[in-house]
């Protein structure tokens, strides 16, 4: 993953980028600043988890599809086993994805989890088990998206490689067949 932000191009989907960041920032900001304004843990828990859940849904169902061309979900089959399902755009569409949108998507996805881990460490240091619960729920939602999109990206790369291999093999066999049919 490239560490530097792509230069020279604008965001192709600024509204999607805005909402991709909004709920992440909202959950983190509310959690951090709520101690200044509220003395009620229940309000802090409910609002923070609600914002984190909205972030989870927006990332999983909207911004992942629009910004990086990926979507994932998990189903339970008839045997009770968990089955991961992935969707990705075709190779041409993935190649046309905006680099700045993709950069924002992946970096905010990872940095949000890091921020929740840091806040969890602070809760541990302060011996605030109740606030550690809030951080745990938010971190779980964040990591679920990281795992889902990482698996989806790996699956998309594997599909592209299989397609390329099949195309090369098909062309090779048709070339061999045409060479022998001429003789």
C-alpha atoms as a PDB file:
ATOM      1  CA  UNK A   1       0.000   0.000   0.000  1.00  0.00           C
ATOM      2  CA  UNK A   2       1.355   3.397  -0.997  1.00  0.00           C
ATOM      3  CA  UNK A   3       2.084   5.642   1.992  1.00  0.00           C
ATOM      4  CA  UNK A   4       1.907   8.952   0.178  1.00  0.00           C
ATOM      5  CA  UNK A   5      -1.310  10.575  -0.907  1.00  0.00           C
ATOM      6  CA  UNK A   6      -1.729  10.628  -4.700  1.00  0.00           C
ATOM      7  CA  UNK A   7      -1.017  14.052  -6.165  1.00  0.00           C
ATOM      8  CA  UNK A   8      -2.576  15.906  -9.059  1.00  0.00           C
ATOM      9  CA  UNK A   9      -6.081  14.518  -9.021  1.00  0.00           C
ATOM     10  CA  UNK A  10      -9.205  15.437  -7.124  1.00  0.00           C
ATOM     11  CA  UNK A  11     -11.557  13.117  -5.335  1.00  0.00           C
ATOM     12  CA  UNK A  12     -13.925  11.529  -7.841  1.00  0.00           C
ATOM     13  CA  UNK A  13     -16.614  11.005  -5.177  1.00  0.00           C
ATOM     14  CA  UNK A  14     -16.307  13.837  -2.650  1.00  0.00           C
ATOM     15  CA  UNK A  15     -19.720  13.225  -1.040  1.00  0.00           C
ATOM     16  CA  UNK A  16     -18.958   9.560  -0.501  1.00  0.00           C
ATOM     17  CA  UNK A  17     -15.522  10.468   0.874  1.00  0.00           C
ATOM     18  CA  UNK A  18     -17.162  12.968   3.224  1.00  0.00           C
ATOM     19  CA  UNK A  19     -19.578  10.403   4.662  1.00  0.00           C
ATOM     20  CA  UNK A  20     -16.831   7.774   4.772  1.00  0.00           C
ATOM     21  CA  UNK A  21     -14.919  10.038   7.154  1.00  0.00           C
ATOM     22  CA  UNK A  22     -17.907  11.688   8.899  1.00  0.00           C
ATOM     23  CA  UNK A  23     -19.141   8.780  11.014  1.00  0.00           C
ATOM     24  CA  UNK A  24     -15.608   7.650  11.910  1.00  0.00           C
ATOM     25  CA  UNK A  25     -14.696  11.155  13.049  1.00  0.00           C
ATOM     26  CA  UNK A  26     -18.089  11.579  14.692  1.00  0.00           C
ATOM     27  CA  UNK A  27     -17.778   8.428  16.796  1.00  0.00           C
ATOM     28  CA  UNK A  28     -14.210   9.212  17.831  1.00  0.00           C
ATOM     29  CA  UNK A  29     -14.909  12.893  18.545  1.00  0.00           C
ATOM     30  CA  UNK A  30     -18.067  12.168  20.512  1.00  0.00           C
ATOM     31  CA  UNK A  31     -16.311   9.520  22.594  1.00  0.00           C
ATOM     32  CA  UNK A  32     -13.342  11.777  23.331  1.00  0.00           C
ATOM     33  CA  UNK A  33     -15.295  14.994  23.962  1.00  0.00           C
ATOM     34  CA  UNK A  34     -18.315  13.478  25.708  1.00  0.00           C
ATOM     35  CA  UNK A  35     -16.533  13.354  29.052  1.00  0.00           C
ATOM     36  CA  UNK A  36     -16.495  17.160  28.992  1.00  0.00           C
ATOM     37  CA  UNK A  37     -20.245  17.494  28.460  1.00  0.00           C
ATOM     38  CA  UNK A  38     -21.931  14.371  29.855  1.00  0.00           C
ATOM     39  CA  UNK A  39     -21.651  12.510  33.094  1.00  0.00           C
ATOM     40  CA  UNK A  40     -23.953   9.748  31.874  1.00  0.00           C
ATOM     41  CA  UNK A  41     -22.220   6.596  30.607  1.00  0.00           C
ATOM     42  CA  UNK A  42     -25.387   5.294  28.949  1.00  0.00           C
ATOM     43  CA  UNK A  43     -25.647   8.335  26.659  1.00  0.00           C
ATOM     44  CA  UNK A  44     -21.959   8.076  25.777  1.00  0.00           C
ATOM     45  CA  UNK A  45     -22.282   4.345  25.064  1.00  0.00           C
ATOM     46  CA  UNK A  46     -25.446   4.597  22.970  1.00  0.00           C
ATOM     47  CA  UNK A  47     -24.396   7.588  20.852  1.00  0.00           C
ATOM     48  CA  UNK A  48     -20.823   6.375  20.277  1.00  0.00           C
ATOM     49  CA  UNK A  49     -21.892   2.841  19.334  1.00  0.00           C
ATOM     50  CA  UNK A  50     -24.684   4.201  17.130  1.00  0.00           C
ATOM     51  CA  UNK A  51     -22.189   6.394  15.249  1.00  0.00           C
ATOM     52  CA  UNK A  52     -19.765   3.463  14.938  1.00  0.00           C
ATOM     53  CA  UNK A  53     -22.584   1.233  13.647  1.00  0.00           C
ATOM     54  CA  UNK A  54     -23.550   3.881  11.077  1.00  0.00           C
ATOM     55  CA  UNK A  55     -19.899   4.046  10.042  1.00  0.00           C
ATOM     56  CA  UNK A  56     -19.764   0.251   9.723  1.00  0.00           C
ATOM     57  CA  UNK A  57     -22.850   0.197   7.507  1.00  0.00           C
ATOM     58  CA  UNK A  58     -21.762   3.139   5.311  1.00  0.00           C
ATOM     59  CA  UNK A  59     -18.281   1.688   4.774  1.00  0.00           C
ATOM     60  CA  UNK A  60     -19.484  -1.859   4.148  1.00  0.00           C
ATOM     61  CA  UNK A  61     -22.399  -1.051   1.847  1.00  0.00           C
ATOM     62  CA  UNK A  62     -21.700   2.342   0.267  1.00  0.00           C
ATOM     63  CA  UNK A  63     -18.180   3.746   0.393  1.00  0.00           C
ATOM     64  CA  UNK A  64     -16.450   0.396  -0.131  1.00  0.00           C
ATOM     65  CA  UNK A  65     -18.429  -0.178  -3.285  1.00  0.00           C
ATOM     66  CA  UNK A  66     -18.015   3.366  -4.641  1.00  0.00           C
ATOM     67  CA  UNK A  67     -14.471   4.260  -3.538  1.00  0.00           C
ATOM     68  CA  UNK A  68     -12.645   0.947  -4.083  1.00  0.00           C
ATOM     69  CA  UNK A  69     -15.149  -1.183  -6.011  1.00  0.00           C
ATOM     70  CA  UNK A  70     -15.395  -3.850  -3.309  1.00  0.00           C
ATOM     71  CA  UNK A  71     -18.221  -5.263  -1.216  1.00  0.00           C
ATOM     72  CA  UNK A  72     -18.329  -8.120   1.264  1.00  0.00           C
ATOM     73  CA  UNK A  73     -20.796  -9.922   3.447  1.00  0.00           C
ATOM     74  CA  UNK A  74     -20.934 -13.045   5.539  1.00  0.00           C
ATOM     75  CA  UNK A  75     -23.662 -15.686   5.414  1.00  0.00           C
ATOM     76  CA  UNK A  76     -24.429 -18.764   7.465  1.00  0.00           C
ATOM     77  CA  UNK A  77     -25.075 -21.756   5.201  1.00  0.00           C
ATOM     78  CA  UNK A  78     -27.437 -24.684   5.848  1.00  0.00           C
ATOM     79  CA  UNK A  79     -24.724 -26.516   7.780  1.00  0.00           C
ATOM     80  CA  UNK A  80     -24.309 -23.575  10.155  1.00  0.00           C
ATOM     81  CA  UNK A  81     -20.922 -22.611   8.721  1.00  0.00           C
ATOM     82  CA  UNK A  82     -19.851 -19.043   8.135  1.00  0.00           C
ATOM     83  CA  UNK A  83     -19.307 -18.305   4.432  1.00  0.00           C
ATOM     84  CA  UNK A  84     -17.621 -15.118   3.198  1.00  0.00           C
ATOM     85  CA  UNK A  85     -19.066 -13.590   0.016  1.00  0.00           C
ATOM     86  CA  UNK A  86     -17.253 -10.982  -2.068  1.00  0.00           C
ATOM     87  CA  UNK A  87     -18.145  -8.662  -4.928  1.00  0.00           C
ATOM     88  CA  UNK A  88     -15.696  -6.629  -6.946  1.00  0.00           C
ATOM     89  CA  UNK A  89     -15.757  -4.635 -10.126  1.00  0.00           C
ATOM     90  CA  UNK A  90     -14.197  -6.049 -13.265  1.00  0.00           C
ATOM     91  CA  UNK A  91     -10.514  -5.447 -13.980  1.00  0.00           C
ATOM     92  CA  UNK A  92     -11.088  -2.452 -16.264  1.00  0.00           C
ATOM     93  CA  UNK A  93     -13.345  -0.709 -13.756  1.00  0.00           C
ATOM     94  CA  UNK A  94     -10.925  -1.385 -10.896  1.00  0.00           C
ATOM     95  CA  UNK A  95      -8.086   0.089 -12.961  1.00  0.00           C
ATOM     96  CA  UNK A  96     -10.142   3.274 -13.463  1.00  0.00           C
ATOM     97  CA  UNK A  97     -10.831   3.754  -9.741  1.00  0.00           C
ATOM     98  CA  UNK A  98      -9.668   7.111  -8.422  1.00  0.00           C
ATOM     99  CA  UNK A  99      -6.366   6.722  -6.561  1.00  0.00           C
ATOM    100  CA  UNK A 100      -7.157   9.503  -4.104  1.00  0.00           C
ATOM    101  CA  UNK A 101     -10.522   7.939  -3.211  1.00  0.00           C
ATOM    102  CA  UNK A 102      -8.836   4.581  -2.697  1.00  0.00           C
ATOM    103  CA  UNK A 103      -6.072   6.123  -0.602  1.00  0.00           C
ATOM    104  CA  UNK A 104      -8.608   7.862   1.660  1.00  0.00           C
ATOM    105  CA  UNK A 105     -10.670   4.694   2.003  1.00  0.00           C
ATOM    106  CA  UNK A 106      -7.829   2.420   3.099  1.00  0.00           C
ATOM    107  CA  UNK A 107      -6.005   4.897   5.336  1.00  0.00           C
ATOM    108  CA  UNK A 108      -9.078   5.994   7.262  1.00  0.00           C
ATOM    109  CA  UNK A 109     -10.114   2.355   7.639  1.00  0.00           C
ATOM    110  CA  UNK A 110      -6.791   1.462   9.290  1.00  0.00           C
ATOM    111  CA  UNK A 111      -6.269   4.699  11.232  1.00  0.00           C
ATOM    112  CA  UNK A 112      -9.692   4.447  12.838  1.00  0.00           C
ATOM    113  CA  UNK A 113      -8.821   1.034  14.257  1.00  0.00           C
ATOM    114  CA  UNK A 114      -5.502   2.394  15.530  1.00  0.00           C
ATOM    115  CA  UNK A 115      -7.319   5.300  17.209  1.00  0.00           C
ATOM    116  CA  UNK A 116      -9.727   2.896  18.957  1.00  0.00           C
ATOM    117  CA  UNK A 117      -6.783   0.778  20.130  1.00  0.00           C
ATOM    118  CA  UNK A 118      -5.081   3.861  21.593  1.00  0.00           C
ATOM    119  CA  UNK A 119      -8.321   4.890  23.324  1.00  0.00           C
ATOM    120  CA  UNK A 120      -8.649   1.337  24.646  1.00  0.00           C
ATOM    121  CA  UNK A 121      -5.157   1.535  26.114  1.00  0.00           C
ATOM    122  CA  UNK A 122      -6.086   4.802  27.843  1.00  0.00           C
ATOM    123  CA  UNK A 123      -9.218   3.157  29.257  1.00  0.00           C
ATOM    124  CA  UNK A 124      -7.104   0.280  30.573  1.00  0.00           C
ATOM    125  CA  UNK A 125      -4.595   2.653  32.151  1.00  0.00           C
ATOM    126  CA  UNK A 126      -7.419   4.598  33.834  1.00  0.00           C
ATOM    127  CA  UNK A 127      -9.138   1.344  34.929  1.00  0.00           C
ATOM    128  CA  UNK A 128     -12.372   2.340  33.160  1.00  0.00           C
ATOM    129  CA  UNK A 129     -13.887  -1.036  32.293  1.00  0.00           C
ATOM    130  CA  UNK A 130     -17.175   0.504  31.169  1.00  0.00           C
ATOM    131  CA  UNK A 131     -15.451   2.763  28.640  1.00  0.00           C
ATOM    132  CA  UNK A 132     -13.334  -0.184  27.541  1.00  0.00           C
ATOM    133  CA  UNK A 133     -16.621  -1.848  26.571  1.00  0.00           C
ATOM    134  CA  UNK A 134     -17.484   1.091  24.287  1.00  0.00           C
ATOM    135  CA  UNK A 135     -14.042   0.962  22.712  1.00  0.00           C
ATOM    136  CA  UNK A 136     -14.316  -2.817  22.322  1.00  0.00           C
ATOM    137  CA  UNK A 137     -17.589  -2.589  20.403  1.00  0.00           C
ATOM    138  CA  UNK A 138     -16.294   0.204  18.149  1.00  0.00           C
ATOM    139  CA  UNK A 139     -12.977  -1.578  17.565  1.00  0.00           C
ATOM    140  CA  UNK A 140     -14.808  -4.805  16.701  1.00  0.00           C
ATOM    141  CA  UNK A 141     -16.888  -3.021  14.058  1.00  0.00           C
ATOM    142  CA  UNK A 142     -13.791  -1.341  12.656  1.00  0.00           C
ATOM    143  CA  UNK A 143     -11.790  -4.579  12.515  1.00  0.00           C
ATOM    144  CA  UNK A 144     -14.716  -6.419  10.913  1.00  0.00           C
ATOM    145  CA  UNK A 145     -14.573  -3.970   8.000  1.00  0.00           C
ATOM    146  CA  UNK A 146     -10.787  -4.256   7.780  1.00  0.00           C
ATOM    147  CA  UNK A 147     -10.943  -8.054   7.668  1.00  0.00           C
ATOM    148  CA  UNK A 148     -13.851  -8.070   5.220  1.00  0.00           C
ATOM    149  CA  UNK A 149     -12.318  -5.614   2.780  1.00  0.00           C
ATOM    150  CA  UNK A 150      -8.842  -7.145   3.033  1.00  0.00           C
ATOM    151  CA  UNK A 151     -10.243 -10.593   2.219  1.00  0.00           C
ATOM    152  CA  UNK A 152     -12.309  -9.048  -0.569  1.00  0.00           C
ATOM    153  CA  UNK A 153      -9.262  -7.301  -2.056  1.00  0.00           C
ATOM    154  CA  UNK A 154      -7.258 -10.548  -1.951  1.00  0.00           C
ATOM    155  CA  UNK A 155     -10.146 -12.414  -3.596  1.00  0.00           C
ATOM    156  CA  UNK A 156     -10.377  -9.740  -6.313  1.00  0.00           C
ATOM    157  CA  UNK A 157      -6.631 -10.037  -7.030  1.00  0.00           C
ATOM    158  CA  UNK A 158      -6.965 -13.821  -7.197  1.00  0.00           C
ATOM    159  CA  UNK A 159      -9.879 -13.515  -9.653  1.00  0.00           C
ATOM    160  CA  UNK A 160      -7.867 -11.133 -11.844  1.00  0.00           C
ATOM    161  CA  UNK A 161      -4.897 -13.527 -11.851  1.00  0.00           C
ATOM    162  CA  UNK A 162      -7.156 -16.478 -12.724  1.00  0.00           C
ATOM    163  CA  UNK A 163      -8.742 -14.495 -15.544  1.00  0.00           C
ATOM    164  CA  UNK A 164      -5.322 -13.544 -16.900  1.00  0.00           C
ATOM    165  CA  UNK A 165      -4.111 -17.153 -16.708  1.00  0.00           C
ATOM    166  CA  UNK A 166      -7.242 -18.432 -18.455  1.00  0.00           C
ATOM    167  CA  UNK A 167      -6.926 -15.803 -21.173  1.00  0.00           C
ATOM    168  CA  UNK A 168      -3.265 -16.650 -21.795  1.00  0.00           C
ATOM    169  CA  UNK A 169      -3.988 -20.393 -21.815  1.00  0.00           C
ATOM    170  CA  UNK A 170      -6.917 -19.900 -24.187  1.00  0.00           C
ATOM    171  CA  UNK A 171      -4.851 -17.814 -26.597  1.00  0.00           C
ATOM    172  CA  UNK A 172      -1.976 -20.279 -26.421  1.00  0.00           C
ATOM    173  CA  UNK A 173      -4.221 -23.267 -27.176  1.00  0.00           C
ATOM    174  CA  UNK A 174      -5.961 -21.462 -30.049  1.00  0.00           C
ATOM    175  CA  UNK A 175      -2.554 -20.504 -31.485  1.00  0.00           C
ATOM    176  CA  UNK A 176      -1.361 -24.121 -31.249  1.00  0.00           C
ATOM    177  CA  UNK A 177      -4.602 -25.410 -32.813  1.00  0.00           C
ATOM    178  CA  UNK A 178      -4.386 -22.959 -35.684  1.00  0.00           C
ATOM    179  CA  UNK A 179      -0.717 -23.850 -36.251  1.00  0.00           C
ATOM    180  CA  UNK A 180      -1.535 -27.567 -36.513  1.00  0.00           C
ATOM    181  CA  UNK A 181      -4.612 -27.006 -38.670  1.00  0.00           C
ATOM    182  CA  UNK A 182      -2.489 -25.145 -41.226  1.00  0.00           C
ATOM    183  CA  UNK A 183      -0.076 -28.100 -41.558  1.00  0.00           C
END
